[in-house]
Amino acid sequence: MFSSRKISLAACALLVAAGSLARAAEPGSFGYGKPATPAQIAGWDIDVRGEDGAGLPAGKGTVDRGAEVYAEQCAACHGTFGEGEGRFPKLVGGVGSLRDERPEPTVGSYWPFAPTLWDYINRAMPMPTPHTLSSDDVYALTAYILHLNDLVPPEFVADRNSLPKVKMRNRDSFIWTDPRPDTTAKPCMNACVNAADVRISSTAEGRNLTPRTTGPLDTMQPK
């Protein structure tokens, strides 16, 4: 049989262990790991907002420097002048084609914001080794690609101040607010419309709003 002294010691040991586990497993955690430091968070906080360039880092790059980086890092996939190689996308051209049967959505014809180009290059390029370019080289590439699209002059210097000021061709063709009523409806908490009072006033039937199935597919319809 255990003596009372041994039982007391065992109880104390259990209490200490329980206290340690409680401290390790704080609310909302699994009891392992540690809070991220500001420096660690900053390493992941790399997003750049397109419209005003918020998040762009310090640094700058010229068109001439961008031509050098592009030849080394980008031309093999995107072509010598941004025309694309194989199935890799074009970066230049397509202006005025967005309403065509085969539109060409390039940086010059489709993209609405210049800072978004910096953000994408910084995140994903070059494809085999992303995150290997310096901020200055990303700025330089951005300047060069914008110049290839005749959006900036050859003396343009890209930085956190100049990029948001670049006017992209398709900027005004984007819709920034959703006009559909169901996206702006607010929850009703009182004086709501009674569902029993709602009536269907019309339907799409007979209005030629739904395309008919024609041709060989007719034979596949149930009889």
Protein backbone atom coordinates (compact mmCIF):
# COMPACT_ATOMS: atom_id res chain seq x y z
CA MET A 1 0.00 0.00 0.00
CA PHE A 2 1.09 3.55 -0.67
CA SER A 3 1.74 5.79 2.26
CA SER A 4 -0.08 9.12 2.54
CA ARG A 5 3.24 10.88 1.80
CA LYS A 6 3.67 9.03 -1.49
CA ILE A 7 0.06 9.72 -2.46
CA SER A 8 0.54 13.43 -1.76
CA LEU A 9 3.70 13.56 -3.87
CA ALA A 10 1.96 11.80 -6.76
CA ALA A 11 -0.96 14.21 -6.55
CA CYS A 12 1.42 17.18 -6.61
CA ALA A 13 3.21 15.76 -9.65
CA LEU A 14 -0.07 15.37 -11.48
CA LEU A 15 -1.08 18.94 -10.68
CA VAL A 16 2.25 20.31 -11.94
CA ALA A 17 1.96 18.30 -15.16
CA ALA A 18 -1.61 19.47 -15.69
CA GLY A 19 -0.53 23.08 -15.15
CA SER A 20 2.27 22.73 -17.71
CA LEU A 21 -0.12 21.29 -20.28
CA ALA A 22 -2.61 24.07 -19.64
CA ARG A 23 0.07 26.69 -20.24
CA ALA A 24 1.27 24.95 -23.42
CA ALA A 25 -2.21 24.45 -24.84
CA GLU A 26 -3.65 27.94 -24.55
CA PRO A 27 -7.13 28.61 -25.95
CA GLY A 28 -7.20 28.24 -29.72
CA SER A 29 -3.95 26.28 -30.03
CA PHE A 30 -2.80 22.69 -30.06
CA GLY A 31 -0.06 23.16 -27.49
CA TYR A 32 2.87 23.35 -29.91
CA GLY A 33 4.57 26.03 -31.98
CA LYS A 34 5.00 29.65 -31.01
CA PRO A 35 3.59 33.00 -32.13
CA ALA A 36 5.08 34.38 -35.33
CA THR A 37 7.42 37.31 -34.86
CA PRO A 38 6.88 40.62 -36.69
CA ALA A 39 9.88 39.80 -38.89
CA GLN A 40 8.42 36.42 -39.86
CA ILE A 41 5.05 37.99 -40.68
CA ALA A 42 6.75 40.67 -42.76
CA GLY A 43 8.39 37.96 -44.84
CA TRP A 44 4.96 36.76 -45.98
CA ASP A 45 3.35 40.19 -46.23
CA ILE A 46 4.29 40.82 -49.86
CA ASP A 47 0.94 41.63 -51.48
CA VAL A 48 0.65 44.83 -53.50
CA ARG A 49 -2.66 46.58 -54.08
CA GLY A 50 -3.25 47.34 -57.74
CA GLU A 51 -5.19 50.58 -57.68
CA ASP A 52 -2.85 52.67 -55.53
CA GLY A 53 0.25 50.49 -55.22
CA ALA A 54 -0.05 50.09 -51.46
CA GLY A 55 2.55 47.55 -50.38
CA LEU A 56 5.15 48.38 -53.01
CA PRO A 57 8.61 48.27 -51.41
CA ALA A 58 11.49 50.70 -51.69
CA GLY A 59 13.60 50.45 -54.81
CA LYS A 60 13.54 51.45 -58.46
CA GLY A 61 14.32 50.17 -61.93
CA THR A 62 14.90 51.60 -65.38
CA VAL A 63 13.74 50.40 -68.77
CA ASP A 64 17.32 49.75 -69.86
CA ARG A 65 18.06 47.59 -66.84
CA GLY A 66 14.78 45.80 -67.40
CA ALA A 67 15.82 44.88 -70.94
CA GLU A 68 18.92 43.15 -69.53
CA VAL A 69 16.99 41.23 -66.85
CA TYR A 70 14.29 40.30 -69.36
CA ALA A 71 16.83 38.84 -71.79
CA GLU A 72 18.33 36.74 -69.00
CA GLN A 73 15.21 35.64 -67.14
CA CYS A 74 12.12 36.00 -69.34
CA ALA A 75 12.79 35.89 -73.09
CA ALA A 76 13.07 32.09 -73.27
CA CYS A 77 9.37 31.78 -72.38
CA HIS A 78 7.82 35.11 -73.31
CA GLY A 79 9.76 35.83 -76.50
CA THR A 80 12.42 38.40 -77.32
CA PHE A 81 9.89 41.22 -77.46
CA GLY A 82 7.07 39.78 -75.38
CA GLU A 83 5.44 37.96 -78.28
CA GLY A 84 5.37 34.64 -76.41
CA GLU A 85 7.11 31.36 -77.13
CA GLY A 86 5.17 28.16 -77.72
CA ARG A 87 2.27 28.04 -75.30
CA PHE A 88 3.71 30.63 -72.96
CA PRO A 89 1.57 33.78 -72.80
CA LYS A 90 2.15 36.95 -74.76
CA LEU A 91 3.00 40.06 -72.81
CA VAL A 92 2.65 42.53 -75.67
CA GLY A 93 0.02 43.17 -78.32
CA GLY A 94 -3.68 42.47 -78.50
CA VAL A 95 -4.67 46.13 -78.28
CA GLY A 96 -8.25 46.49 -79.52
CA SER A 97 -8.81 42.72 -79.66
CA LEU A 98 -10.82 42.16 -76.49
CA ARG A 99 -14.13 42.20 -78.36
CA ASP A 100 -12.85 39.95 -81.14
CA GLU A 101 -13.67 36.27 -81.50
CA ARG A 102 -10.14 35.45 -80.34
CA PRO A 103 -9.11 38.22 -77.93
CA GLU A 104 -5.50 38.59 -76.78
CA PRO A 105 -5.49 39.65 -73.12
CA THR A 106 -1.94 40.94 -72.61
CA VAL A 107 -0.43 43.43 -70.18
CA GLY A 108 -0.97 46.18 -72.72
CA SER A 109 -4.47 45.25 -73.82
CA TYR A 110 -6.14 43.91 -70.68
CA TRP A 111 -4.44 44.60 -67.34
CA PRO A 112 -5.99 47.51 -65.40
CA PHE A 113 -3.15 48.41 -62.99
CA ALA A 114 0.63 48.69 -63.38
CA PRO A 115 1.41 47.78 -59.72
CA THR A 116 -0.32 44.42 -60.32
CA LEU A 117 2.40 43.61 -62.86
CA TRP A 118 5.08 44.24 -60.23
CA ASP A 119 3.17 42.09 -57.74
CA TYR A 120 2.81 39.15 -60.14
CA ILE A 121 6.43 39.19 -61.25
CA ASN A 122 7.57 39.39 -57.64
CA ARG A 123 5.38 36.49 -56.57
CA ALA A 124 5.67 34.04 -59.46
CA MET A 125 8.53 34.86 -61.84
CA PRO A 126 10.75 33.54 -63.19
CA MET A 127 8.68 30.37 -63.26
CA PRO A 128 11.44 27.87 -62.34
CA THR A 129 12.81 30.02 -59.50
CA PRO A 130 10.31 32.54 -58.13
CA HIS A 131 11.31 34.95 -55.36
CA THR A 132 14.89 35.12 -56.62
CA LEU A 133 14.70 38.60 -58.17
CA SER A 134 15.56 41.69 -56.18
CA SER A 135 12.99 44.46 -55.78
CA ASP A 136 15.07 46.65 -58.09
CA ASP A 137 15.09 44.01 -60.82
CA VAL A 138 11.34 43.51 -60.48
CA TYR A 139 10.88 47.26 -60.88
CA ALA A 140 13.16 47.18 -63.92
CA LEU A 141 11.23 44.31 -65.52
CA THR A 142 7.96 46.10 -64.88
CA ALA A 143 9.29 49.25 -66.51
CA TYR A 144 10.56 47.33 -69.54
CA ILE A 145 7.33 45.38 -70.11
CA LEU A 146 5.29 48.57 -69.81
CA HIS A 147 7.62 50.18 -72.33
CA LEU A 148 7.26 47.25 -74.73
CA ASN A 149 3.53 47.99 -74.62
CA ASP A 150 4.09 51.70 -75.35
CA LEU A 151 2.67 52.63 -71.98
CA VAL A 152 5.74 54.47 -70.67
CA PRO A 153 8.65 56.29 -72.39
CA PRO A 154 12.17 54.82 -72.57
CA GLU A 155 13.41 57.09 -69.77
CA PHE A 156 10.72 55.87 -67.36
CA VAL A 157 11.89 54.83 -63.89
CA ALA A 158 9.57 52.49 -62.03
CA ASP A 159 9.22 52.89 -58.27
CA ARG A 160 6.52 52.93 -55.61
CA ASN A 161 5.47 56.45 -56.62
CA SER A 162 5.55 56.26 -60.41
CA LEU A 163 3.87 52.88 -61.00
CA PRO A 164 0.42 53.78 -59.59
CA LYS A 165 0.37 56.80 -61.93
CA VAL A 166 0.71 54.73 -65.11
CA LYS A 167 -2.58 54.80 -67.03
CA MET A 168 -3.32 51.34 -68.39
CA ARG A 169 -5.42 51.08 -71.55
CA ASN A 170 -8.14 48.85 -70.14
CA ARG A 171 -8.42 50.55 -66.75
CA ASP A 172 -11.85 52.06 -67.35
CA SER A 173 -13.36 48.87 -68.76
CA PHE A 174 -13.37 47.09 -65.41
CA ILE A 175 -16.46 47.19 -63.18
CA TRP A 176 -15.46 47.65 -59.55
CA THR A 177 -18.91 47.44 -57.97
CA ASP A 178 -21.30 44.53 -58.42
CA PRO A 179 -24.66 45.93 -59.56
CA ARG A 180 -26.66 42.80 -58.78
CA PRO A 181 -29.27 43.48 -56.07
CA ASP A 182 -28.52 40.30 -54.14
CA THR A 183 -24.93 41.44 -53.53
CA THR A 184 -26.04 44.67 -51.85
CA ALA A 185 -29.12 43.43 -49.98
CA LYS A 186 -28.99 43.93 -46.22
CA PRO A 187 -30.34 41.37 -43.74
CA CYS A 188 -33.84 42.24 -42.58
CA MET A 189 -34.30 42.24 -38.81
CA ASN A 190 -37.75 43.81 -38.53
CA ALA A 191 -40.66 44.97 -40.69
CA CYS A 192 -39.58 42.46 -43.33
CA VAL A 193 -41.62 41.53 -46.38
CA ASN A 194 -43.88 38.60 -45.64
CA ALA A 195 -43.07 35.68 -47.94
CA ALA A 196 -46.79 35.08 -48.32
CA ASP A 197 -47.12 38.53 -49.92
CA VAL A 198 -44.55 37.77 -52.65
CA ARG A 199 -46.09 36.99 -56.03
CA ILE A 200 -44.45 35.84 -59.29
CA SER A 201 -45.42 38.46 -61.87
CA SER A 202 -43.72 36.92 -64.90
CA THR A 203 -41.42 34.11 -66.03
CA ALA A 204 -38.85 33.59 -68.77
CA GLU A 205 -41.14 31.20 -70.60
CA GLY A 206 -41.99 32.33 -74.10
CA ARG A 207 -39.50 35.22 -74.07
CA ASN A 208 -36.76 33.51 -76.11
CA LEU A 209 -34.31 33.94 -73.24
CA THR A 210 -33.12 30.33 -73.18
CA PRO A 211 -31.26 28.97 -76.24
CA ARG A 212 -32.82 25.96 -77.91
CA THR A 213 -30.93 22.76 -78.52
CA THR A 214 -30.63 22.16 -82.24
CA GLY A 215 -28.88 19.73 -84.56
CA PRO A 216 -27.70 16.27 -83.57
CA LEU A 217 -28.29 16.90 -79.89
CA ASP A 218 -32.04 16.74 -80.57
CA THR A 219 -31.74 12.97 -80.89
CA MET A 220 -30.39 12.79 -77.37
CA GLN A 221 -33.39 14.42 -75.76
CA PRO A 222 -35.86 12.18 -73.88
CA LYS A 223 -38.99 11.32 -75.83
